[in-house]
C-alpha atoms as a PDB file:
ATOM      1  CA  MET A   1     143.918  -6.630 -15.847  1.00  0.00           C
ATOM      2  CA  LEU A   2     142.086  -3.812 -17.849  1.00  0.00           C
ATOM      3  CA  THR A   3     141.314  -0.673 -15.616  1.00  0.00           C
ATOM      4  CA  ALA A   4     138.024   0.815 -16.033  1.00  0.00           C
ATOM      5  CA  ASP A   5     136.956   2.589 -19.304  1.00  0.00           C
ATOM      6  CA  SER A   6     136.194   5.966 -17.797  1.00  0.00           C
ATOM      7  CA  HIS A   7     134.993   7.836 -20.823  1.00  0.00           C
ATOM      8  CA  VAL A   8     132.275   6.054 -22.665  1.00  0.00           C
ATOM      9  CA  HIS A   9     129.118   7.277 -24.725  1.00  0.00           C
ATOM     10  CA  SER A  10     126.005   5.605 -25.549  1.00  0.00           C
ATOM     11  CA  GLU A  11     122.588   6.331 -27.235  1.00  0.00           C
ATOM     12  CA  TRP A  12     122.148   8.845 -24.324  1.00  0.00           C
ATOM     13  CA  SER A  13     124.749  11.306 -25.938  1.00  0.00           C
ATOM     14  CA  TRP A  14     123.654  13.611 -28.525  1.00  0.00           C
ATOM     15  CA  ASP A  15     126.194  12.993 -31.015  1.00  0.00           C
ATOM     16  CA  THR A  16     125.347   9.411 -31.370  1.00  0.00           C
ATOM     17  CA  GLY A  17     122.081   9.968 -32.723  1.00  0.00           C
ATOM     18  CA  GLY A  18     119.990   9.739 -29.477  1.00  0.00           C
ATOM     19  CA  PRO A  19     118.109   7.135 -27.692  1.00  0.00           C
ATOM     20  CA  ASP A  20     115.376   6.918 -30.622  1.00  0.00           C
ATOM     21  CA  SER A  21     117.531   6.822 -33.471  1.00  0.00           C
ATOM     22  CA  GLY A  22     118.828   3.019 -33.199  1.00  0.00           C
ATOM     23  CA  ALA A  23     122.015   3.937 -32.597  1.00  0.00           C
ATOM     24  CA  ARG A  24     124.621   1.267 -32.514  1.00  0.00           C
ATOM     25  CA  GLY A  25     126.241   2.301 -29.498  1.00  0.00           C
ATOM     26  CA  THR A  26     123.705   1.569 -26.930  1.00  0.00           C
ATOM     27  CA  MET A  27     124.431   0.882 -23.365  1.00  0.00           C
ATOM     28  CA  VAL A  28     123.465  -2.670 -23.647  1.00  0.00           C
ATOM     29  CA  ALA A  29     125.780  -3.662 -26.687  1.00  0.00           C
ATOM     30  CA  THR A  30     128.533  -1.554 -24.753  1.00  0.00           C
ATOM     31  CA  CYS A  31     127.886  -3.750 -21.807  1.00  0.00           C
ATOM     32  CA  GLU A  32     128.142  -6.959 -23.835  1.00  0.00           C
ATOM     33  CA  GLN A  33     131.289  -5.690 -25.393  1.00  0.00           C
ATOM     34  CA  ALA A  34     132.995  -5.349 -21.899  1.00  0.00           C
ATOM     35  CA  LEU A  35     132.173  -8.635 -20.871  1.00  0.00           C
ATOM     36  CA  ARG A  36     133.702 -10.164 -24.073  1.00  0.00           C
ATOM     37  CA  ILE A  37     136.726  -8.214 -23.864  1.00  0.00           C
ATOM     38  CA  GLY A  38     137.154  -8.694 -19.974  1.00  0.00           C
ATOM     39  CA  LEU A  39     136.586  -5.131 -19.049  1.00  0.00           C
ATOM     40  CA  PRO A  40     135.744  -5.332 -15.147  1.00  0.00           C
ATOM     41  CA  ALA A  41     134.095  -1.629 -15.061  1.00  0.00           C
ATOM     42  CA  LEU A  42     133.016   1.380 -17.403  1.00  0.00           C
ATOM     43  CA  ILE A  43     131.736   4.704 -16.657  1.00  0.00           C
ATOM     44  CA  PHE A  44     128.946   6.125 -19.149  1.00  0.00           C
ATOM     45  CA  THR A  45     130.056   9.757 -19.482  1.00  0.00           C
ATOM     46  CA  GLU A  46     127.414  11.202 -21.634  1.00  0.00           C
ATOM     47  CA  HIS A  47     127.541  14.512 -23.015  1.00  0.00           C
ATOM     48  CA  PHE A  48     126.514  17.541 -20.847  1.00  0.00           C
ATOM     49  CA  ASP A  49     126.402  20.630 -22.687  1.00  0.00           C
ATOM     50  CA  VAL A  50     124.085  23.296 -21.090  1.00  0.00           C
ATOM     51  CA  GLU A  51     122.378  26.275 -23.141  1.00  0.00           C
ATOM     52  CA  GLU A  52     125.423  26.467 -25.451  1.00  0.00           C
ATOM     53  CA  ALA A  53     125.327  26.731 -29.269  1.00  0.00           C
ATOM     54  CA  TRP A  54     128.444  27.063 -31.578  1.00  0.00           C
ATOM     55  CA  ARG A  55     129.428  27.682 -34.904  1.00  0.00           C
ATOM     56  CA  ALA A  56     130.079  24.648 -36.905  1.00  0.00           C
ATOM     57  CA  GLY A  57     129.764  23.421 -40.869  1.00  0.00           C
ATOM     58  CA  THR A  58     127.932  20.031 -41.468  1.00  0.00           C
ATOM     59  CA  GLU A  59     130.936  18.796 -43.318  1.00  0.00           C
ATOM     60  CA  GLU A  60     132.846  18.883 -40.176  1.00  0.00           C
ATOM     61  CA  PHE A  61     130.792  16.385 -38.316  1.00  0.00           C
ATOM     62  CA  PRO A  62     129.109  13.037 -39.039  1.00  0.00           C
ATOM     63  CA  PRO A  63     125.542  13.116 -39.508  1.00  0.00           C
ATOM     64  CA  ALA A  64     124.355  11.768 -35.885  1.00  0.00           C
ATOM     65  CA  ALA A  65     125.959  15.275 -34.697  1.00  0.00           C
ATOM     66  CA  SER A  66     125.267  17.457 -38.056  1.00  0.00           C
ATOM     67  CA  GLN A  67     121.497  17.093 -37.293  1.00  0.00           C
ATOM     68  CA  HIS A  68     121.588  19.438 -34.752  1.00  0.00           C
ATOM     69  CA  ILE A  69     123.166  22.453 -36.773  1.00  0.00           C
ATOM     70  CA  ASN A  70     120.397  24.678 -37.586  1.00  0.00           C
ATOM     71  CA  GLU A  71     119.643  27.013 -40.817  1.00  0.00           C
ATOM     72  CA  ALA A  72     122.042  29.811 -39.266  1.00  0.00           C
ATOM     73  CA  GLY A  73     124.956  27.460 -39.067  1.00  0.00           C
ATOM     74  CA  TYR A  74     124.854  26.860 -35.236  1.00  0.00           C
ATOM     75  CA  LEU A  75     125.292  23.345 -33.643  1.00  0.00           C
ATOM     76  CA  VAL A  76     122.527  23.418 -30.638  1.00  0.00           C
ATOM     77  CA  PRO A  77     122.886  20.220 -28.749  1.00  0.00           C
ATOM     78  CA  PRO A  78     119.875  18.728 -27.165  1.00  0.00           C
ATOM     79  CA  PRO A  79     119.788  18.576 -23.382  1.00  0.00           C
ATOM     80  CA  LEU A  80     120.479  15.368 -21.677  1.00  0.00           C
ATOM     81  CA  ASP A  81     117.579  13.155 -20.696  1.00  0.00           C
ATOM     82  CA  VAL A  82     118.854  12.640 -17.280  1.00  0.00           C
ATOM     83  CA  GLU A  83     116.027  10.430 -15.676  1.00  0.00           C
ATOM     84  CA  GLY A  84     116.098   8.431 -19.081  1.00  0.00           C
ATOM     85  CA  TYR A  85     119.607   8.083 -18.756  1.00  0.00           C
ATOM     86  CA  PHE A  86     119.491   6.815 -14.814  1.00  0.00           C
ATOM     87  CA  GLY A  87     116.958   4.565 -16.154  1.00  0.00           C
ATOM     88  CA  ALA A  88     118.999   2.754 -18.644  1.00  0.00           C
ATOM     89  CA  ILE A  89     122.066   2.893 -16.279  1.00  0.00           C
ATOM     90  CA  ALA A  90     119.819   0.833 -13.547  1.00  0.00           C
ATOM     91  CA  GLU A  91     118.681  -1.385 -16.397  1.00  0.00           C
ATOM     92  CA  CYS A  92     122.014  -2.284 -17.211  1.00  0.00           C
ATOM     93  CA  ARG A  93     123.090  -2.993 -13.850  1.00  0.00           C
ATOM     94  CA  ARG A  94     120.282  -5.648 -13.531  1.00  0.00           C
ATOM     95  CA  LEU A  95     121.126  -7.212 -16.913  1.00  0.00           C
ATOM     96  CA  PHE A  96     124.738  -7.184 -16.206  1.00  0.00           C
ATOM     97  CA  PRO A  97     125.566  -7.907 -12.255  1.00  0.00           C
ATOM     98  CA  ASP A  98     128.906  -8.977 -12.692  1.00  0.00           C
ATOM     99  CA  LEU A  99     129.894  -5.637 -14.708  1.00  0.00           C
ATOM    100  CA  THR A 100     130.867  -2.562 -12.510  1.00  0.00           C
ATOM    101  CA  ILE A 101     128.626   0.248 -14.170  1.00  0.00           C
ATOM    102  CA  LEU A 102     128.962   3.750 -13.081  1.00  0.00           C
ATOM    103  CA  SER A 103     127.204   6.878 -13.988  1.00  0.00           C
ATOM    104  CA  GLY A 104     128.915   9.988 -15.191  1.00  0.00           C
ATOM    105  CA  VAL A 105     128.773  13.148 -17.800  1.00  0.00           C
ATOM    106  CA  GLU A 106     131.239  14.893 -19.926  1.00  0.00           C
ATOM    107  CA  PHE A 107     130.763  18.450 -18.861  1.00  0.00           C
ATOM    108  CA  GLY A 108     131.380  20.756 -21.885  1.00  0.00           C
ATOM    109  CA  GLN A 109     133.007  24.343 -20.904  1.00  0.00           C
ATOM    110  CA  PRO A 110     131.961  24.086 -16.936  1.00  0.00           C
ATOM    111  CA  HIS A 111     133.633  27.335 -16.574  1.00  0.00           C
ATOM    112  CA  LEU A 112     130.939  29.039 -18.827  1.00  0.00           C
ATOM    113  CA  VAL A 113     127.807  27.581 -17.837  1.00  0.00           C
ATOM    114  CA  GLU A 114     128.359  25.833 -14.264  1.00  0.00           C
ATOM    115  CA  HIS A 115     125.964  28.061 -12.164  1.00  0.00           C
ATOM    116  CA  ARG A 116     123.317  27.204 -14.796  1.00  0.00           C
ATOM    117  CA  ALA A 117     124.022  23.480 -14.767  1.00  0.00           C
ATOM    118  CA  ARG A 118     123.816  23.363 -11.109  1.00  0.00           C
ATOM    119  CA  GLN A 119     120.181  25.024 -11.326  1.00  0.00           C
ATOM    120  CA  LEU A 120     119.337  21.958 -13.784  1.00  0.00           C
ATOM    121  CA  VAL A 121     120.768  19.064 -12.623  1.00  0.00           C
ATOM    122  CA  ASP A 122     122.083  18.086  -9.136  1.00  0.00           C
ATOM    123  CA  LEU A 123     126.066  17.067 -10.321  1.00  0.00           C
ATOM    124  CA  SER A 124     126.580  14.798  -7.273  1.00  0.00           C
ATOM    125  CA  ARG A 125     123.926  12.162  -8.386  1.00  0.00           C
ATOM    126  CA  PHE A 126     126.893  11.268 -10.953  1.00  0.00           C
ATOM    127  CA  ASP A 127     129.474   9.012  -9.782  1.00  0.00           C
ATOM    128  CA  ARG A 128     131.919  10.931 -12.408  1.00  0.00           C
ATOM    129  CA  VAL A 129     132.006  14.053 -13.864  1.00  0.00           C
ATOM    130  CA  ASN A 130     134.622  14.884 -16.521  1.00  0.00           C
ATOM    131  CA  GLY A 131     135.433  18.130 -17.606  1.00  0.00           C
ATOM    132  CA  SER A 132     135.867  18.934 -21.606  1.00  0.00           C
ATOM    133  CA  LEU A 133     136.911  22.122 -23.361  1.00  0.00           C
ATOM    134  CA  HIS A 134     135.521  21.638 -26.899  1.00  0.00           C
ATOM    135  CA  THR A 135     135.059  25.088 -28.203  1.00  0.00           C
ATOM    136  CA  LEU A 136     136.972  28.453 -28.382  1.00  0.00           C
ATOM    137  CA  ARG A 137     135.430  32.021 -28.423  1.00  0.00           C
ATOM    138  CA  VAL A 138     135.356  33.516 -31.698  1.00  0.00           C
ATOM    139  CA  GLY A 139     134.084  37.104 -31.663  1.00  0.00           C
ATOM    140  CA  PRO A 140     130.829  36.875 -29.948  1.00  0.00           C
ATOM    141  CA  ASP A 141     130.440  33.152 -30.606  1.00  0.00           C
ATOM    142  CA  ARG A 142     132.372  29.945 -30.012  1.00  0.00           C
ATOM    143  CA  ALA A 143     133.673  27.124 -32.432  1.00  0.00           C
ATOM    144  CA  GLU A 144     135.427  23.872 -32.132  1.00  0.00           C
ATOM    145  CA  PRO A 145     139.025  23.358 -33.375  1.00  0.00           C
ATOM    146  CA  ILE A 146     138.261  21.454 -36.292  1.00  0.00           C
ATOM    147  CA  THR A 147     135.865  24.509 -37.258  1.00  0.00           C
ATOM    148  CA  LEU A 148     138.538  27.009 -36.543  1.00  0.00           C
ATOM    149  CA  TYR A 149     141.443  25.270 -38.392  1.00  0.00           C
ATOM    150  CA  ARG A 150     139.366  26.344 -41.466  1.00  0.00           C
ATOM    151  CA  HIS A 151     139.693  29.919 -40.753  1.00  0.00           C
ATOM    152  CA  TRP A 152     142.696  30.404 -38.260  1.00  0.00           C
ATOM    153  CA  GLY A 153     146.059  29.435 -38.480  1.00  0.00           C
ATOM    154  CA  PRO A 154     146.954  26.032 -36.815  1.00  0.00           C
ATOM    155  CA  ASP A 155     149.411  27.539 -34.517  1.00  0.00           C
ATOM    156  CA  GLU A 156     146.454  30.181 -33.542  1.00  0.00           C
ATOM    157  CA  VAL A 157     144.204  27.486 -32.773  1.00  0.00           C
ATOM    158  CA  MET A 158     146.649  25.566 -30.586  1.00  0.00           C
ATOM    159  CA  ASP A 159     147.474  28.430 -28.617  1.00  0.00           C
ATOM    160  CA  ALA A 160     143.798  29.724 -28.101  1.00  0.00           C
ATOM    161  CA  TYR A 161     142.720  25.921 -26.923  1.00  0.00           C
ATOM    162  CA  LEU A 162     145.938  25.992 -24.558  1.00  0.00           C
ATOM    163  CA  ASP A 163     145.566  29.228 -23.076  1.00  0.00           C
ATOM    164  CA  GLU A 164     141.722  28.529 -22.383  1.00  0.00           C
ATOM    165  CA  VAL A 165     142.663  25.633 -20.013  1.00  0.00           C
ATOM    166  CA  PRO A 166     143.796  27.402 -16.996  1.00  0.00           C
ATOM    167  CA  ALA A 167     140.503  29.570 -16.881  1.00  0.00           C
ATOM    168  CA  MET A 168     138.380  25.886 -17.177  1.00  0.00           C
ATOM    169  CA  LEU A 169     139.844  25.326 -13.752  1.00  0.00           C
ATOM    170  CA  ALA A 170     137.965  27.860 -12.091  1.00  0.00           C
ATOM    171  CA  SER A 171     134.952  25.789 -12.335  1.00  0.00           C
ATOM    172  CA  ASP A 172     135.165  22.954  -9.231  1.00  0.00           C
ATOM    173  CA  ALA A 173     132.267  20.977 -11.009  1.00  0.00           C
ATOM    174  CA  PHE A 174     134.468  18.280 -12.402  1.00  0.00           C
ATOM    175  CA  GLU A 175     137.256  16.247 -11.138  1.00  0.00           C
ATOM    176  CA  VAL A 176     139.209  14.712 -14.558  1.00  0.00           C
ATOM    177  CA  PHE A 177     140.294  17.112 -17.321  1.00  0.00           C
ATOM    178  CA  THR A 178     139.780  15.155 -20.320  1.00  0.00           C
ATOM    179  CA  HIS A 179     141.601  15.009 -23.796  1.00  0.00           C
ATOM    180  CA  LEU A 180     143.723  17.764 -23.262  1.00  0.00           C
ATOM    181  CA  ASP A 181     145.140  17.288 -26.764  1.00  0.00           C
ATOM    182  CA  TYR A 182     141.753  17.796 -28.348  1.00  0.00           C
ATOM    183  CA  ALA A 183     142.736  20.518 -30.574  1.00  0.00           C
ATOM    184  CA  VAL A 184     145.392  17.935 -32.016  1.00  0.00           C
ATOM    185  CA  ARG A 185     142.761  15.670 -33.178  1.00  0.00           C
ATOM    186  CA  HIS A 186     141.864  17.512 -36.422  1.00  0.00           C
ATOM    187  CA  TRP A 187     145.378  19.151 -37.044  1.00  0.00           C
ATOM    188  CA  PRO A 188     145.487  20.093 -40.547  1.00  0.00           C
ATOM    189  CA  VAL A 189     148.495  17.537 -41.592  1.00  0.00           C
ATOM    190  CA  GLU A 190     147.976  18.696 -45.365  1.00  0.00           C
ATOM    191  CA  GLN A 191     148.473  22.377 -44.571  1.00  0.00           C
ATOM    192  CA  ALA A 192     150.753  22.319 -41.564  1.00  0.00           C
ATOM    193  CA  GLY A 193     152.696  18.913 -41.551  1.00  0.00           C
ATOM    194  CA  ARG A 194     152.653  16.349 -38.983  1.00  0.00           C
ATOM    195  CA  PHE A 195     151.843  17.463 -35.573  1.00  0.00           C
ATOM    196  CA  ASP A 196     154.993  18.117 -33.460  1.00  0.00           C
ATOM    197  CA  PRO A 197     154.045  18.606 -29.827  1.00  0.00           C
ATOM    198  CA  ARG A 198     157.625  20.368 -29.142  1.00  0.00           C
ATOM    199  CA  ARG A 199     156.563  23.475 -31.074  1.00  0.00           C
ATOM    200  CA  PHE A 200     154.090  23.884 -27.996  1.00  0.00           C
ATOM    201  CA  GLU A 201     155.744  22.259 -25.261  1.00  0.00           C
ATOM    202  CA  GLY A 202     155.774  25.317 -23.077  1.00  0.00           C
ATOM    203  CA  GLN A 203     152.008  26.067 -23.401  1.00  0.00           C
ATOM    204  CA  PHE A 204     151.329  22.184 -22.760  1.00  0.00           C
ATOM    205  CA  ARG A 205     153.424  22.472 -19.501  1.00  0.00           C
ATOM    206  CA  VAL A 206     151.654  25.464 -18.378  1.00  0.00           C
ATOM    207  CA  ALA A 207     148.403  23.886 -18.901  1.00  0.00           C
ATOM    208  CA  LEU A 208     149.341  20.641 -17.370  1.00  0.00           C
ATOM    209  CA  ARG A 209     150.697  22.387 -14.430  1.00  0.00           C
ATOM    210  CA  ALA A 210     147.520  24.383 -13.866  1.00  0.00           C
ATOM    211  CA  VAL A 211     145.730  20.984 -13.656  1.00  0.00           C
ATOM    212  CA  ALA A 212     147.994  19.428 -11.538  1.00  0.00           C
ATOM    213  CA  GLU A 213     148.027  22.042  -9.126  1.00  0.00           C
ATOM    214  CA  SER A 214     144.276  22.247  -9.068  1.00  0.00           C
ATOM    215  CA  GLY A 215     144.528  18.739  -7.632  1.00  0.00           C
ATOM    216  CA  ARG A 216     142.640  17.328 -10.473  1.00  0.00           C
ATOM    217  CA  ALA A 217     143.320  14.083 -12.335  1.00  0.00           C
ATOM    218  CA  LEU A 218     144.105  13.974 -16.223  1.00  0.00           C
ATOM    219  CA  GLU A 219     142.591  11.756 -18.449  1.00  0.00           C
ATOM    220  CA  MET A 220     144.615   9.474 -20.910  1.00  0.00           C
ATOM    221  CA  ASN A 221     142.480   9.347 -23.897  1.00  0.00           C
ATOM    222  CA  THR A 222     143.420   6.762 -25.845  1.00  0.00           C
ATOM    223  CA  ARG A 223     142.137   7.942 -29.212  1.00  0.00           C
ATOM    224  CA  ARG A 224     145.446   9.447 -29.382  1.00  0.00           C
ATOM    225  CA  LEU A 225     147.897   8.615 -26.584  1.00  0.00           C
ATOM    226  CA  SER A 226     151.833   9.589 -27.045  1.00  0.00           C
ATOM    227  CA  SER A 227     154.586   9.312 -24.568  1.00  0.00           C
ATOM    228  CA  TRP A 228     155.143  13.056 -24.290  1.00  0.00           C
ATOM    229  CA  LEU A 229     151.601  13.670 -22.381  1.00  0.00           C
ATOM    230  CA  PRO A 230     152.189  11.466 -19.512  1.00  0.00           C
ATOM    231  CA  GLN A 231     155.850  12.633 -19.394  1.00  0.00           C
ATOM    232  CA  TRP A 232     155.048  16.226 -19.194  1.00  0.00           C
ATOM    233  CA  TRP A 233     152.194  15.567 -16.951  1.00  0.00           C
ATOM    234  CA  THR A 234     154.447  13.675 -14.393  1.00  0.00           C
ATOM    235  CA  GLU A 235     157.125  16.345 -14.581  1.00  0.00           C
ATOM    236  CA  GLU A 236     154.683  19.030 -14.094  1.00  0.00           C
ATOM    237  CA  GLY A 237     153.444  17.335 -10.794  1.00  0.00           C
ATOM    238  CA  GLY A 238     150.552  15.490 -12.134  1.00  0.00           C
ATOM    239  CA  GLN A 239     149.315  12.688  -9.434  1.00  0.00           C
ATOM    240  CA  ALA A 240     146.331  11.167 -10.728  1.00  0.00           C
ATOM    241  CA  VAL A 241     145.298   9.917 -14.084  1.00  0.00           C
ATOM    242  CA  SER A 242     142.089   8.093 -15.455  1.00  0.00           C
ATOM    243  CA  PHE A 243     141.835   6.127 -18.814  1.00  0.00           C
ATOM    244  CA  GLY A 244     139.203   6.859 -21.379  1.00  0.00           C
ATOM    245  CA  SER A 245     138.787   5.258 -24.889  1.00  0.00           C
ATOM    246  CA  ASP A 246     135.865   8.164 -25.833  1.00  0.00           C
ATOM    247  CA  ALA A 247     134.060   5.322 -27.205  1.00  0.00           C
ATOM    248  CA  HIS A 248     130.827   6.108 -29.314  1.00  0.00           C
ATOM    249  CA  VAL A 249     130.334   2.376 -30.586  1.00  0.00           C
ATOM    250  CA  PRO A 250     131.046  -0.674 -28.441  1.00  0.00           C
ATOM    251  CA  THR A 251     134.041  -2.049 -30.543  1.00  0.00           C
ATOM    252  CA  ALA A 252     136.057   1.004 -29.494  1.00  0.00           C
ATOM    253  CA  LEU A 253     135.491   0.162 -25.944  1.00  0.00           C
ATOM    254  CA  ALA A 254     138.943   0.158 -24.039  1.00  0.00           C
ATOM    255  CA  GLY A 255     140.959   0.619 -27.533  1.00  0.00           C
ATOM    256  CA  GLY A 256     144.520   0.752 -26.524  1.00  0.00           C
ATOM    257  CA  PHE A 257     144.077   0.497 -22.751  1.00  0.00           C
ATOM    258  CA  PRO A 258     146.980  -2.432 -22.598  1.00  0.00           C
ATOM    259  CA  GLU A 259     149.590   0.029 -24.385  1.00  0.00           C
ATOM    260  CA  ALA A 260     148.299   2.866 -22.154  1.00  0.00           C
ATOM    261  CA  GLN A 261     148.387   1.174 -18.831  1.00  0.00           C
ATOM    262  CA  HIS A 262     151.872  -0.074 -19.839  1.00  0.00           C
ATOM    263  CA  MET A 263     152.997   3.258 -20.559  1.00  0.00           C
ATOM    264  CA  LEU A 264     151.320   4.955 -17.160  1.00  0.00           C
ATOM    265  CA  GLU A 265     153.407   2.285 -15.362  1.00  0.00           C
ATOM    266  CA  HIS A 266     156.487   3.329 -16.756  1.00  0.00           C
ATOM    267  CA  PHE A 267     156.022   6.873 -15.262  1.00  0.00           C
ATOM    268  CA  GLY A 268     155.351   5.467 -11.954  1.00  0.00           C
ATOM    269  CA  PHE A 269     151.217   5.306 -11.678  1.00  0.00           C
ATOM    270  CA  ARG A 270     149.747   2.466 -10.052  1.00  0.00           C
ATOM    271  CA  PRO A 271     146.017   1.296 -10.052  1.00  0.00           C
ATOM    272  CA  GLY A 272     143.884   1.716  -6.830  1.00  0.00           C
ATOM    273  CA  ARG A 273     142.022  -1.123  -5.176  1.00  0.00           C
ATOM    274  CA  ARG A 274     139.275  -1.207  -7.297  1.00  0.00           C
ATOM    275  CA  PRO A 275     139.200  -1.074 -11.113  1.00  0.00           C
ATOM    276  CA  GLU A 276     137.110   2.296 -11.354  1.00  0.00           C
ATOM    277  CA  ASP A 277     139.540   4.159  -9.319  1.00  0.00           C
ATOM    278  CA  LEU A 278     141.989   6.835 -10.269  1.00  0.00           C
ATOM    279  CA  TRP A 279     145.585   5.595 -10.946  1.00  0.00           C
ATOM    280  CA  THR A 280     148.024   7.630  -8.862  1.00  0.00           C
ATOM    281  CA  ARG A 281     151.790   7.893  -8.407  1.00  0.00           C
ATOM    282  CA  ARG A 282     153.673   8.897  -5.037  1.00  0.00           C
ATOM    283  CA  PRO A 283     154.891  12.533  -5.344  1.00  0.00           C
ATOM    284  CA  ALA A 284     158.870  12.875  -6.028  1.00  0.00           C
ATOM    285  CA  PRO A 285     160.815  13.317  -2.982  1.00  0.00           C
ATOM    286  CA  ARG A 286     161.844  16.756  -1.871  1.00  0.00           C
ATOM    287  CA  ARG A 287     165.468  17.465  -2.338  1.00  0.00           C
END
């Protein structure tokens, strides 16, 4: 049985084009896809970026996202329409009563904007808050790894990303740390060769240990799932995981989930009572 997809985007995320754009990844279409593939539950975790703009180039992002880049070269994501989003959630629950549909957000850089975010939105309204580190400091600005790879050395980008993970844990506004390997997505293969996680094992382990000690779960993002991540997570004391496809279109929903679930079972993780529950493992016995 498939577990819940806990990282799903719809037309309410700014990088899909928005609710008035005719985006293909609508909530309704995604729910229809869930029923087709036998997915029992999903969480719509729309992007939640609060008063933040970052350096970007239009060539680095798809049109749905690059339309938000201004003339000064800053990507300025529009705010999440929270009430419109919850209205769409309610309608999908009415249309698909046999599907468990939960609410959520993917909160970008919560350690930088948590206070302001809580003034704008009651985060307790959401069933799940994922925390994401999408941008890094570059002088007075911030930028995504895909942008920084054009200006920094690949190792420098990876080091900066992993070094900021513990700082993000200062925020208690989220319960799941998503795609810890986000900076790997756009690793410049032509410049640096195939990505070898062993070159950064020490930094990854420090970051994973910090997440584990904070009591949070780690997302197994199936866009790029390799055995080293759950292995190191387990060895550094991680006790809980969620599964997320990071789907922005319905056909990507729950992609790679059967393989990911088998992998996590190998490392001792087991599902909860409900499909939307985190998978957990028993702590290793003390010697």
